[in-house]
PDB file of N, CA and C in Angstrom:
ATOM      1  N   MET A   1    -160.562 -47.930 -11.346  1.00  0.00           N
ATOM      2  CA  MET A   1    -160.593 -49.171 -11.070  1.00  0.00           C
ATOM      3  C   MET A   1    -162.004 -49.531 -10.439  1.00  0.00           C
ATOM      4  N   MET A   2    -162.573 -50.568 -10.748  1.00  0.00           N
ATOM      5  CA  MET A   2    -163.906 -51.113 -10.297  1.00  0.00           C
ATOM      6  C   MET A   2    -163.695 -51.621  -8.909  1.00  0.00           C
ATOM      7  N   GLN A   3    -164.689 -51.222  -8.062  1.00  0.00           N
ATOM      8  CA  GLN A   3    -164.729 -51.911  -6.661  1.00  0.00           C
ATOM      9  C   GLN A   3    -165.553 -53.168  -6.871  1.00  0.00           C
ATOM     10  N   PRO A   4    -165.059 -54.290  -6.232  1.00  0.00           N
ATOM     11  CA  PRO A   4    -165.929 -55.384  -6.325  1.00  0.00           C
ATOM     12  C   PRO A   4    -167.158 -55.291  -5.453  1.00  0.00           C
ATOM     13  N   ASP A   5    -168.173 -55.908  -6.067  1.00  0.00           N
ATOM     14  CA  ASP A   5    -169.605 -55.934  -5.486  1.00  0.00           C
ATOM     15  C   ASP A   5    -169.750 -56.971  -4.117  1.00  0.00           C
ATOM     16  N   ARG A   6    -170.137 -56.149  -3.213  1.00  0.00           N
ATOM     17  CA  ARG A   6    -169.866 -57.006  -1.819  1.00  0.00           C
ATOM     18  C   ARG A   6    -170.900 -58.227  -1.810  1.00  0.00           C
ATOM     19  N   LYS A   7    -171.962 -58.125  -2.679  1.00  0.00           N
ATOM     20  CA  LYS A   7    -172.870 -59.125  -2.869  1.00  0.00           C
ATOM     21  C   LYS A   7    -172.256 -60.411  -3.371  1.00  0.00           C
ATOM     22  N   SER A   8    -171.223 -60.284  -4.099  1.00  0.00           N
ATOM     23  CA  SER A   8    -170.621 -61.395  -4.797  1.00  0.00           C
ATOM     24  C   SER A   8    -169.631 -62.256  -3.982  1.00  0.00           C
ATOM     25  N   PHE A   9    -169.243 -61.688  -2.680  1.00  0.00           N
ATOM     26  CA  PHE A   9    -168.407 -62.261  -1.805  1.00  0.00           C
ATOM     27  C   PHE A   9    -169.279 -63.359  -0.931  1.00  0.00           C
ATOM     28  N   ASP A  10    -168.885 -64.471  -0.879  1.00  0.00           N
ATOM     29  CA  ASP A  10    -169.572 -65.387  -0.031  1.00  0.00           C
ATOM     30  C   ASP A  10    -168.654 -65.450   1.293  1.00  0.00           C
ATOM     31  N   PHE A  11    -168.949 -64.582   2.336  1.00  0.00           N
ATOM     32  CA  PHE A  11    -168.323 -64.593   3.507  1.00  0.00           C
ATOM     33  C   PHE A  11    -168.388 -65.976   4.248  1.00  0.00           C
ATOM     34  N   ALA A  12    -169.597 -66.783   4.194  1.00  0.00           N
ATOM     35  CA  ALA A  12    -169.594 -68.105   4.759  1.00  0.00           C
ATOM     36  C   ALA A  12    -168.550 -68.846   4.370  1.00  0.00           C
ATOM     37  N   GLU A  13    -168.432 -68.836   3.002  1.00  0.00           N
ATOM     38  CA  GLU A  13    -167.392 -69.860   2.409  1.00  0.00           C
ATOM     39  C   GLU A  13    -165.940 -69.533   2.891  1.00  0.00           C
ATOM     40  N   HIS A  14    -165.772 -68.277   2.758  1.00  0.00           N
ATOM     41  CA  HIS A  14    -164.368 -67.629   3.340  1.00  0.00           C
ATOM     42  C   HIS A  14    -164.050 -68.114   4.790  1.00  0.00           C
ATOM     43  N   ARG A  15    -165.292 -67.884   5.492  1.00  0.00           N
ATOM     44  CA  ARG A  15    -165.095 -68.340   7.092  1.00  0.00           C
ATOM     45  C   ARG A  15    -164.666 -69.823   7.146  1.00  0.00           C
ATOM     46  N   HIS A  16    -165.450 -70.615   6.397  1.00  0.00           N
ATOM     47  CA  HIS A  16    -165.250 -72.028   6.489  1.00  0.00           C
ATOM     48  C   HIS A  16    -163.731 -72.351   6.000  1.00  0.00           C
ATOM     49  N   SER A  17    -163.334 -71.794   4.968  1.00  0.00           N
ATOM     50  CA  SER A  17    -161.994 -71.975   4.393  1.00  0.00           C
ATOM     51  C   SER A  17    -160.936 -71.568   5.591  1.00  0.00           C
ATOM     52  N   TYR A  18    -161.106 -70.392   6.139  1.00  0.00           N
ATOM     53  CA  TYR A  18    -160.249 -69.973   7.360  1.00  0.00           C
ATOM     54  C   TYR A  18    -160.248 -70.930   8.359  1.00  0.00           C
ATOM     55  N   GLU A  19    -161.507 -71.339   8.833  1.00  0.00           N
ATOM     56  CA  GLU A  19    -161.469 -72.365   9.813  1.00  0.00           C
ATOM     57  C   GLU A  19    -160.863 -73.821   9.539  1.00  0.00           C
ATOM     58  N   GLY A  20    -160.850 -74.185   8.237  1.00  0.00           N
ATOM     59  CA  GLY A  20    -160.219 -75.450   7.692  1.00  0.00           C
ATOM     60  C   GLY A  20    -158.710 -75.151   7.836  1.00  0.00           C
ATOM     61  N   PHE A  21    -158.215 -73.949   7.517  1.00  0.00           N
ATOM     62  CA  PHE A  21    -156.696 -73.624   7.514  1.00  0.00           C
ATOM     63  C   PHE A  21    -156.262 -73.636   8.914  1.00  0.00           C
ATOM     64  N   VAL A  22    -156.977 -73.100   9.852  1.00  0.00           N
ATOM     65  CA  VAL A  22    -156.428 -73.137  11.120  1.00  0.00           C
ATOM     66  C   VAL A  22    -156.502 -74.494  11.812  1.00  0.00           C
ATOM     67  N   ARG A  23    -157.602 -75.270  11.443  1.00  0.00           N
ATOM     68  CA  ARG A  23    -157.523 -76.735  11.983  1.00  0.00           C
ATOM     69  C   ARG A  23    -156.411 -77.399  11.566  1.00  0.00           C
ATOM     70  N   LEU A  24    -156.295 -77.450  10.165  1.00  0.00           N
ATOM     71  CA  LEU A  24    -154.939 -78.093   9.574  1.00  0.00           C
ATOM     72  C   LEU A  24    -153.738 -77.492  10.211  1.00  0.00           C
ATOM     73  N   THR A  25    -153.621 -76.424  10.435  1.00  0.00           N
ATOM     74  CA  THR A  25    -152.267 -75.879  11.087  1.00  0.00           C
ATOM     75  C   THR A  25    -152.072 -76.261  12.310  1.00  0.00           C
ATOM     76  N   VAL A  26    -153.219 -76.363  13.160  1.00  0.00           N
ATOM     77  CA  VAL A  26    -153.031 -77.014  14.669  1.00  0.00           C
ATOM     78  C   VAL A  26    -152.651 -78.529  14.462  1.00  0.00           C
ATOM     79  N   ILE A  27    -153.021 -79.220  13.565  1.00  0.00           N
ATOM     80  CA  ILE A  27    -152.903 -80.643  13.337  1.00  0.00           C
ATOM     81  C   ILE A  27    -151.493 -80.777  12.958  1.00  0.00           C
ATOM     82  N   VAL A  28    -150.908 -79.829  12.017  1.00  0.00           N
ATOM     83  CA  VAL A  28    -149.691 -80.162  11.621  1.00  0.00           C
ATOM     84  C   VAL A  28    -148.587 -79.640  12.695  1.00  0.00           C
ATOM     85  N   VAL A  29    -149.020 -78.571  13.507  1.00  0.00           N
ATOM     86  CA  VAL A  29    -148.010 -78.077  14.634  1.00  0.00           C
ATOM     87  C   VAL A  29    -147.912 -79.385  15.577  1.00  0.00           C
ATOM     88  N   PHE A  30    -148.913 -80.028  16.072  1.00  0.00           N
ATOM     89  CA  PHE A  30    -148.722 -81.294  16.776  1.00  0.00           C
ATOM     90  C   PHE A  30    -148.030 -82.349  16.206  1.00  0.00           C
ATOM     91  N   LEU A  31    -148.192 -82.509  15.031  1.00  0.00           N
ATOM     92  CA  LEU A  31    -147.362 -83.499  14.218  1.00  0.00           C
ATOM     93  C   LEU A  31    -145.787 -83.193  14.246  1.00  0.00           C
ATOM     94  N   LEU A  32    -145.598 -81.949  13.962  1.00  0.00           N
ATOM     95  CA  LEU A  32    -144.162 -81.530  14.047  1.00  0.00           C
ATOM     96  C   LEU A  32    -143.607 -81.574  15.315  1.00  0.00           C
ATOM     97  N   LEU A  33    -144.281 -81.211  16.440  1.00  0.00           N
ATOM     98  CA  LEU A  33    -143.567 -81.145  17.758  1.00  0.00           C
ATOM     99  C   LEU A  33    -143.324 -82.581  18.343  1.00  0.00           C
ATOM    100  N   SER A  34    -144.292 -83.527  17.694  1.00  0.00           N
ATOM    101  CA  SER A  34    -144.263 -85.130  18.107  1.00  0.00           C
ATOM    102  C   SER A  34    -142.920 -85.517  17.394  1.00  0.00           C
ATOM    103  N   HIS A  35    -142.680 -85.034  16.132  1.00  0.00           N
ATOM    104  CA  HIS A  35    -141.554 -85.444  15.383  1.00  0.00           C
ATOM    105  C   HIS A  35    -140.239 -84.917  16.052  1.00  0.00           C
ATOM    106  N   LEU A  36    -140.224 -83.647  16.437  1.00  0.00           N
ATOM    107  CA  LEU A  36    -139.024 -83.237  17.256  1.00  0.00           C
ATOM    108  C   LEU A  36    -138.810 -83.852  18.598  1.00  0.00           C
ATOM    109  N   VAL A  37    -139.763 -84.136  19.182  1.00  0.00           N
ATOM    110  CA  VAL A  37    -139.531 -84.954  20.527  1.00  0.00           C
ATOM    111  C   VAL A  37    -139.142 -86.388  20.259  1.00  0.00           C
ATOM    112  N   ALA A  38    -139.802 -87.070  19.288  1.00  0.00           N
ATOM    113  CA  ALA A  38    -139.314 -88.391  18.818  1.00  0.00           C
ATOM    114  C   ALA A  38    -137.738 -88.436  18.567  1.00  0.00           C
ATOM    115  N   LEU A  39    -137.297 -87.320  17.835  1.00  0.00           N
ATOM    116  CA  LEU A  39    -135.938 -87.351  17.438  1.00  0.00           C
ATOM    117  C   LEU A  39    -135.186 -86.929  18.803  1.00  0.00           C
ATOM    118  N   ALA A  40    -135.614 -86.252  19.712  1.00  0.00           N
ATOM    119  CA  ALA A  40    -134.881 -86.266  20.905  1.00  0.00           C
ATOM    120  C   ALA A  40    -134.809 -87.543  21.643  1.00  0.00           C
ATOM    121  N   VAL A  41    -135.822 -88.277  21.552  1.00  0.00           N
ATOM    122  CA  VAL A  41    -135.812 -89.710  22.179  1.00  0.00           C
ATOM    123  C   VAL A  41    -134.651 -90.391  21.657  1.00  0.00           C
ATOM    124  N   GLY A  42    -134.587 -90.439  20.279  1.00  0.00           N
ATOM    125  CA  GLY A  42    -133.628 -91.151  19.637  1.00  0.00           C
ATOM    126  C   GLY A  42    -132.121 -90.637  19.718  1.00  0.00           C
ATOM    127  N   GLY A  43    -131.944 -89.452  19.752  1.00  0.00           N
ATOM    128  CA  GLY A  43    -130.823 -88.747  20.142  1.00  0.00           C
ATOM    129  C   GLY A  43    -130.202 -88.990  21.396  1.00  0.00           C
ATOM    130  N   VAL A  44    -131.130 -88.751  22.474  1.00  0.00           N
ATOM    131  CA  VAL A  44    -130.611 -88.592  23.876  1.00  0.00           C
ATOM    132  C   VAL A  44    -130.544 -90.029  24.350  1.00  0.00           C
ATOM    133  N   ALA A  45    -131.458 -90.825  24.136  1.00  0.00           N
ATOM    134  CA  ALA A  45    -131.512 -92.176  24.704  1.00  0.00           C
ATOM    135  C   ALA A  45    -131.117 -93.310  23.764  1.00  0.00           C
ATOM    136  N   HIS A  46    -130.805 -93.014  22.680  1.00  0.00           N
ATOM    137  CA  HIS A  46    -130.483 -93.876  21.502  1.00  0.00           C
ATOM    138  C   HIS A  46    -131.392 -95.012  21.391  1.00  0.00           C
ATOM    139  N   LEU A  47    -132.842 -94.704  21.424  1.00  0.00           N
ATOM    140  CA  LEU A  47    -133.800 -95.503  21.478  1.00  0.00           C
ATOM    141  C   LEU A  47    -134.543 -95.230  19.967  1.00  0.00           C
ATOM    142  N   TRP A  48    -133.894 -95.631  18.898  1.00  0.00           N
ATOM    143  CA  TRP A  48    -134.192 -95.229  17.605  1.00  0.00           C
ATOM    144  C   TRP A  48    -135.417 -96.013  17.168  1.00  0.00           C
ATOM    145  N   ALA A  49    -135.615 -97.192  17.657  1.00  0.00           N
ATOM    146  CA  ALA A  49    -136.788 -97.932  17.242  1.00  0.00           C
ATOM    147  C   ALA A  49    -138.109 -97.318  17.967  1.00  0.00           C
ATOM    148  N   LEU A  50    -137.970 -96.739  19.181  1.00  0.00           N
ATOM    149  CA  LEU A  50    -138.926 -96.210  19.782  1.00  0.00           C
ATOM    150  C   LEU A  50    -139.314 -94.888  19.099  1.00  0.00           C
ATOM    151  N   ALA A  51    -138.314 -94.213  18.664  1.00  0.00           N
ATOM    152  CA  ALA A  51    -138.509 -92.904  17.894  1.00  0.00           C
ATOM    153  C   ALA A  51    -139.194 -93.016  16.580  1.00  0.00           C
ATOM    154  N   CYS A  52    -138.923 -94.148  16.012  1.00  0.00           N
ATOM    155  CA  CYS A  52    -139.541 -94.443  14.513  1.00  0.00           C
ATOM    156  C   CYS A  52    -141.041 -94.882  15.000  1.00  0.00           C
ATOM    157  N   LEU A  53    -141.256 -95.620  16.014  1.00  0.00           N
ATOM    158  CA  LEU A  53    -142.726 -95.809  16.462  1.00  0.00           C
ATOM    159  C   LEU A  53    -143.510 -94.605  16.859  1.00  0.00           C
ATOM    160  N   GLU A  54    -142.829 -93.652  17.332  1.00  0.00           N
ATOM    161  CA  GLU A  54    -143.320 -92.392  17.911  1.00  0.00           C
ATOM    162  C   GLU A  54    -143.727 -91.549  16.515  1.00  0.00           C
ATOM    163  N   VAL A  55    -142.844 -91.608  15.512  1.00  0.00           N
ATOM    164  CA  VAL A  55    -142.962 -90.806  14.272  1.00  0.00           C
ATOM    165  C   VAL A  55    -144.224 -91.565  13.497  1.00  0.00           C
ATOM    166  N   GLY A  56    -144.292 -92.801  13.459  1.00  0.00           N
ATOM    167  CA  GLY A  56    -145.467 -93.434  12.923  1.00  0.00           C
ATOM    168  C   GLY A  56    -146.744 -93.207  13.429  1.00  0.00           C
ATOM    169  N   LEU A  57    -146.745 -93.247  14.899  1.00  0.00           N
ATOM    170  CA  LEU A  57    -147.900 -92.878  15.653  1.00  0.00           C
ATOM    171  C   LEU A  57    -148.496 -91.175  15.325  1.00  0.00           C
ATOM    172  N   SER A  58    -147.418 -90.486  15.394  1.00  0.00           N
ATOM    173  CA  SER A  58    -147.751 -89.191  15.107  1.00  0.00           C
ATOM    174  C   SER A  58    -148.447 -88.810  13.736  1.00  0.00           C
ATOM    175  N   ILE A  59    -147.995 -89.535  12.614  1.00  0.00           N
ATOM    176  CA  ILE A  59    -148.285 -89.449  11.447  1.00  0.00           C
ATOM    177  C   ILE A  59    -149.883 -90.174  11.346  1.00  0.00           C
ATOM    178  N   LEU A  60    -149.939 -91.254  11.978  1.00  0.00           N
ATOM    179  CA  LEU A  60    -151.354 -91.806  12.077  1.00  0.00           C
ATOM    180  C   LEU A  60    -152.399 -90.895  12.810  1.00  0.00           C
ATOM    181  N   ALA A  61    -151.810 -90.315  13.912  1.00  0.00           N
ATOM    182  CA  ALA A  61    -152.765 -89.368  14.593  1.00  0.00           C
ATOM    183  C   ALA A  61    -153.178 -88.072  13.861  1.00  0.00           C
ATOM    184  N   ALA A  62    -152.328 -87.730  13.052  1.00  0.00           N
ATOM    185  CA  ALA A  62    -152.487 -86.498  12.067  1.00  0.00           C
ATOM    186  C   ALA A  62    -153.597 -86.937  11.090  1.00  0.00           C
ATOM    187  N   VAL A  63    -153.413 -87.966  10.450  1.00  0.00           N
ATOM    188  CA  VAL A  63    -154.424 -88.470   9.487  1.00  0.00           C
ATOM    189  C   VAL A  63    -155.729 -88.696  10.227  1.00  0.00           C
ATOM    190  N   VAL A  64    -155.708 -89.375  11.305  1.00  0.00           N
ATOM    191  CA  VAL A  64    -157.125 -89.468  11.955  1.00  0.00           C
ATOM    192  C   VAL A  64    -157.630 -88.241  12.379  1.00  0.00           C
ATOM    193  N   GLY A  65    -156.921 -87.299  12.957  1.00  0.00           N
ATOM    194  CA  GLY A  65    -157.369 -85.997  13.426  1.00  0.00           C
ATOM    195  C   GLY A  65    -157.975 -84.989  12.132  1.00  0.00           C
ATOM    196  N   ALA A  66    -157.124 -85.243  10.933  1.00  0.00           N
ATOM    197  CA  ALA A  66    -157.753 -84.629   9.864  1.00  0.00           C
ATOM    198  C   ALA A  66    -158.978 -85.267   9.246  1.00  0.00           C
ATOM    199  N   ALA A  67    -159.060 -86.543   9.288  1.00  0.00           N
ATOM    200  CA  ALA A  67    -160.161 -87.221   8.509  1.00  0.00           C
ATOM    201  C   ALA A  67    -161.438 -87.096   9.594  1.00  0.00           C
ATOM    202  N   ILE A  68    -161.483 -87.028  10.733  1.00  0.00           N
ATOM    203  CA  ILE A  68    -162.550 -86.937  11.664  1.00  0.00           C
ATOM    204  C   ILE A  68    -162.705 -85.503  12.150  1.00  0.00           C
ATOM    205  N   PRO A  69    -163.547 -84.742  11.696  1.00  0.00           N
ATOM    206  CA  PRO A  69    -163.662 -83.328  12.261  1.00  0.00           C
ATOM    207  C   PRO A  69    -163.871 -83.185  13.647  1.00  0.00           C
ATOM    208  N   GLY A  70    -164.518 -84.093  14.355  1.00  0.00           N
ATOM    209  CA  GLY A  70    -164.734 -83.815  15.785  1.00  0.00           C
ATOM    210  C   GLY A  70    -163.480 -84.011  16.629  1.00  0.00           C
ATOM    211  N   LEU A  71    -162.488 -84.743  16.061  1.00  0.00           N
ATOM    212  CA  LEU A  71    -161.260 -85.136  16.808  1.00  0.00           C
ATOM    213  C   LEU A  71    -160.136 -83.943  16.849  1.00  0.00           C
ATOM    214  N   ASP A  72    -160.025 -83.519  15.483  1.00  0.00           N
ATOM    215  CA  ASP A  72    -158.931 -82.385  15.286  1.00  0.00           C
ATOM    216  C   ASP A  72    -157.753 -82.692  15.762  1.00  0.00           C
ATOM    217  N   TRP A  73    -157.269 -81.943  16.925  1.00  0.00           N
ATOM    218  CA  TRP A  73    -156.014 -81.915  17.352  1.00  0.00           C
ATOM    219  C   TRP A  73    -155.677 -82.966  18.521  1.00  0.00           C
ATOM    220  N   LYS A  74    -156.864 -83.670  18.990  1.00  0.00           N
ATOM    221  CA  LYS A  74    -156.863 -84.536  20.160  1.00  0.00           C
ATOM    222  C   LYS A  74    -155.836 -85.722  19.829  1.00  0.00           C
ATOM    223  N   PRO A  75    -155.923 -86.482  18.746  1.00  0.00           N
ATOM    224  CA  PRO A  75    -154.845 -87.530  18.581  1.00  0.00           C
ATOM    225  C   PRO A  75    -153.458 -87.155  18.705  1.00  0.00           C
ATOM    226  N   GLY A  76    -153.287 -85.966  18.000  1.00  0.00           N
ATOM    227  CA  GLY A  76    -151.964 -85.449  18.040  1.00  0.00           C
ATOM    228  C   GLY A  76    -151.391 -85.206  19.462  1.00  0.00           C
ATOM    229  N   ALA A  77    -152.324 -84.577  20.331  1.00  0.00           N
ATOM    230  CA  ALA A  77    -152.041 -84.074  21.542  1.00  0.00           C
ATOM    231  C   ALA A  77    -151.694 -85.356  22.319  1.00  0.00           C
ATOM    232  N   ALA A  78    -152.314 -86.258  22.097  1.00  0.00           N
ATOM    233  CA  ALA A  78    -152.137 -87.722  22.931  1.00  0.00           C
ATOM    234  C   ALA A  78    -150.737 -88.232  22.654  1.00  0.00           C
ATOM    235  N   VAL A  79    -150.482 -88.231  21.194  1.00  0.00           N
ATOM    236  CA  VAL A  79    -149.202 -88.792  20.917  1.00  0.00           C
ATOM    237  C   VAL A  79    -148.098 -87.978  21.432  1.00  0.00           C
ATOM    238  N   LEU A  80    -148.359 -86.471  21.405  1.00  0.00           N
ATOM    239  CA  LEU A  80    -147.181 -85.699  21.949  1.00  0.00           C
ATOM    240  C   LEU A  80    -146.941 -85.997  23.353  1.00  0.00           C
ATOM    241  N   ALA A  81    -148.079 -86.132  24.092  1.00  0.00           N
ATOM    242  CA  ALA A  81    -147.870 -86.464  25.631  1.00  0.00           C
ATOM    243  C   ALA A  81    -147.145 -87.703  25.736  1.00  0.00           C
ATOM    244  N   PHE A  82    -147.422 -88.871  24.917  1.00  0.00           N
ATOM    245  CA  PHE A  82    -146.782 -90.027  24.868  1.00  0.00           C
ATOM    246  C   PHE A  82    -145.288 -89.792  24.680  1.00  0.00           C
ATOM    247  N   CYS A  83    -144.982 -89.042  23.687  1.00  0.00           N
ATOM    248  CA  CYS A  83    -143.465 -88.779  23.344  1.00  0.00           C
ATOM    249  C   CYS A  83    -142.795 -88.121  24.476  1.00  0.00           C
ATOM    250  N   LEU A  84    -143.548 -87.069  24.931  1.00  0.00           N
ATOM    251  CA  LEU A  84    -142.836 -86.396  26.187  1.00  0.00           C
ATOM    252  C   LEU A  84    -142.564 -87.302  27.334  1.00  0.00           C
ATOM    253  N   LEU A  85    -143.518 -88.159  27.553  1.00  0.00           N
ATOM    254  CA  LEU A  85    -143.444 -89.115  28.645  1.00  0.00           C
ATOM    255  C   LEU A  85    -142.264 -89.958  28.345  1.00  0.00           C
ATOM    256  N   THR A  86    -142.092 -90.614  27.219  1.00  0.00           N
ATOM    257  CA  THR A  86    -140.990 -91.395  27.116  1.00  0.00           C
ATOM    258  C   THR A  86    -139.628 -90.662  26.885  1.00  0.00           C
ATOM    259  N   LEU A  87    -139.622 -89.521  26.558  1.00  0.00           N
ATOM    260  CA  LEU A  87    -138.513 -88.635  26.732  1.00  0.00           C
ATOM    261  C   LEU A  87    -137.993 -88.396  28.093  1.00  0.00           C
ATOM    262  N   ALA A  88    -138.956 -88.108  28.896  1.00  0.00           N
ATOM    263  CA  ALA A  88    -138.815 -87.935  30.447  1.00  0.00           C
ATOM    264  C   ALA A  88    -138.223 -89.216  31.074  1.00  0.00           C
ATOM    265  N   ILE A  89    -138.871 -90.351  30.791  1.00  0.00           N
ATOM    266  CA  ILE A  89    -138.297 -91.631  31.261  1.00  0.00           C
ATOM    267  C   ILE A  89    -136.870 -91.947  30.803  1.00  0.00           C
ATOM    268  N   ALA A  90    -136.660 -91.762  29.460  1.00  0.00           N
ATOM    269  CA  ALA A  90    -135.391 -92.196  28.806  1.00  0.00           C
ATOM    270  C   ALA A  90    -134.329 -91.229  29.226  1.00  0.00           C
ATOM    271  N   ALA A  91    -134.624 -89.976  29.439  1.00  0.00           N
ATOM    272  CA  ALA A  91    -133.570 -89.021  29.941  1.00  0.00           C
ATOM    273  C   ALA A  91    -133.314 -89.040  31.356  1.00  0.00           C
ATOM    274  N   GLY A  92    -134.283 -89.557  32.077  1.00  0.00           N
ATOM    275  CA  GLY A  92    -134.239 -89.506  33.448  1.00  0.00           C
ATOM    276  C   GLY A  92    -133.417 -90.603  34.170  1.00  0.00           C
TER     277      GLY A  92
END
């Protein structure tokens, strides 16, 4: 079996791909958490219109976070905070 030549590996490119994977994973985690809380808002308080709005906002936040590298997870975190706030108000 031949050993791969270490000179043929592009470690910078591998690192760049890994960082992109981690960035996308964090964005998707915030997206899914926002969807989960939006479903709770709809189910607990029967505010399905608000839940649909929150799902739309979370999708928009994920797209913006993925499109603009400097923002990353921040739009998703803001929408998740909004979803949690509405859940706390609706359940209380």
